[in-house]
Amino acid sequence: LQDPVMEVKEKTIEDMEEYLDMDINEDEEDEWEEEDA
């Protein structure tokens, strides 16, 4: 079984550039991920 957290981490790192490019809404995105999970 793969760690779902690892998948989310990879996705977050990939989108990290977008976050920094736009606004620092990492906390908001994290909430979405938690709700989706």
N, C-alpha and C. Protein backbone atom coordinates (compact mmCIF):
# COMPACT_ATOMS: atom_id res chain seq x y z
N LEU A 1 0.84 -1.21 0.00
CA LEU A 1 0.00 0.00 0.00
C LEU A 1 0.88 1.26 0.00
N GLN A 2 0.54 2.19 -0.88
CA GLN A 2 1.31 3.43 -0.95
C GLN A 2 0.77 4.43 0.05
N ASP A 3 1.66 5.25 0.60
CA ASP A 3 1.24 6.25 1.58
C ASP A 3 0.53 7.39 0.86
N PRO A 4 -0.76 7.57 1.08
CA PRO A 4 -1.49 8.68 0.42
C PRO A 4 -0.85 10.03 0.70
N VAL A 5 -0.25 10.17 1.88
CA VAL A 5 0.40 11.43 2.23
C VAL A 5 1.51 11.73 1.23
N MET A 6 2.27 10.71 0.85
CA MET A 6 3.37 10.90 -0.10
C MET A 6 2.82 11.45 -1.41
N GLU A 7 1.72 10.87 -1.90
CA GLU A 7 1.13 11.35 -3.15
C GLU A 7 0.75 12.82 -3.02
N VAL A 8 0.11 13.16 -1.91
CA VAL A 8 -0.29 14.56 -1.70
C VAL A 8 0.94 15.45 -1.65
N LYS A 9 2.00 14.98 -0.97
CA LYS A 9 3.23 15.78 -0.87
C LYS A 9 3.76 16.05 -2.28
N GLU A 10 3.84 15.02 -3.10
CA GLU A 10 4.36 15.20 -4.46
C GLU A 10 3.52 16.24 -5.19
N LYS A 11 2.19 16.11 -5.09
CA LYS A 11 1.30 17.04 -5.77
C LYS A 11 1.52 18.46 -5.24
N THR A 12 1.67 18.57 -3.92
CA THR A 12 1.87 19.88 -3.31
C THR A 12 3.16 20.51 -3.83
N ILE A 13 4.24 19.73 -3.87
CA ILE A 13 5.53 20.25 -4.35
C ILE A 13 5.37 20.72 -5.80
N GLU A 14 4.61 19.96 -6.59
CA GLU A 14 4.43 20.33 -7.99
C GLU A 14 3.65 21.64 -8.10
N ASP A 15 2.62 21.78 -7.26
CA ASP A 15 1.80 22.99 -7.30
C ASP A 15 2.44 24.13 -6.51
N MET A 16 3.50 23.81 -5.75
CA MET A 16 4.15 24.83 -4.93
C MET A 16 4.53 26.03 -5.80
N GLU A 17 5.08 25.77 -6.99
CA GLU A 17 5.45 26.87 -7.87
C GLU A 17 4.24 27.76 -8.15
N GLU A 18 3.09 27.13 -8.42
CA GLU A 18 1.88 27.92 -8.70
C GLU A 18 1.52 28.77 -7.49
N TYR A 19 1.58 28.15 -6.29
CA TYR A 19 1.23 28.88 -5.07
C TYR A 19 2.12 30.11 -4.95
N LEU A 20 3.44 29.92 -5.07
CA LEU A 20 4.36 31.04 -4.92
C LEU A 20 4.11 32.07 -6.02
N ASP A 21 3.77 31.57 -7.23
CA ASP A 21 3.52 32.48 -8.35
C ASP A 21 2.28 33.34 -8.07
N MET A 22 1.25 32.71 -7.52
CA MET A 22 0.00 33.45 -7.24
C MET A 22 0.04 34.03 -5.83
N ASP A 23 -0.76 33.45 -4.92
CA ASP A 23 -0.76 33.93 -3.53
C ASP A 23 -0.37 32.79 -2.60
N ILE A 24 0.13 33.14 -1.43
CA ILE A 24 0.54 32.09 -0.47
C ILE A 24 -0.71 31.57 0.24
N ASN A 25 -1.47 30.72 -0.47
CA ASN A 25 -2.68 30.15 0.12
C ASN A 25 -2.49 28.66 0.39
N GLU A 26 -1.27 28.30 0.85
CA GLU A 26 -1.01 26.89 1.12
C GLU A 26 -1.99 26.35 2.16
N ASP A 27 -2.23 27.16 3.20
CA ASP A 27 -3.14 26.73 4.28
C ASP A 27 -4.53 26.45 3.70
N GLU A 28 -5.03 27.35 2.83
CA GLU A 28 -6.36 27.15 2.27
C GLU A 28 -6.39 25.86 1.45
N GLU A 29 -5.39 25.67 0.61
CA GLU A 29 -5.33 24.45 -0.21
C GLU A 29 -5.27 23.21 0.67
N ASP A 30 -4.47 23.28 1.75
CA ASP A 30 -4.36 22.14 2.66
C ASP A 30 -5.73 21.75 3.19
N GLU A 31 -6.55 22.76 3.52
CA GLU A 31 -7.89 22.47 4.05
C GLU A 31 -8.69 21.70 3.00
N TRP A 32 -8.59 22.12 1.75
CA TRP A 32 -9.32 21.44 0.68
C TRP A 32 -8.88 19.98 0.60
N GLU A 33 -7.56 19.77 0.61
CA GLU A 33 -7.03 18.41 0.51
C GLU A 33 -7.58 17.55 1.65
N GLU A 34 -7.54 18.10 2.87
CA GLU A 34 -8.01 17.33 4.03
C GLU A 34 -9.48 16.96 3.86
N GLU A 35 -10.29 17.93 3.40
CA GLU A 35 -11.73 17.66 3.23
C GLU A 35 -11.92 16.59 2.15
N ASP A 36 -11.18 16.71 1.05
CA ASP A 36 -11.31 15.74 -0.04
C ASP A 36 -10.94 14.34 0.46
N ALA A 37 -9.89 14.28 1.27
CA ALA A 37 -9.44 12.98 1.79
C ALA A 37 -10.47 12.49 2.78
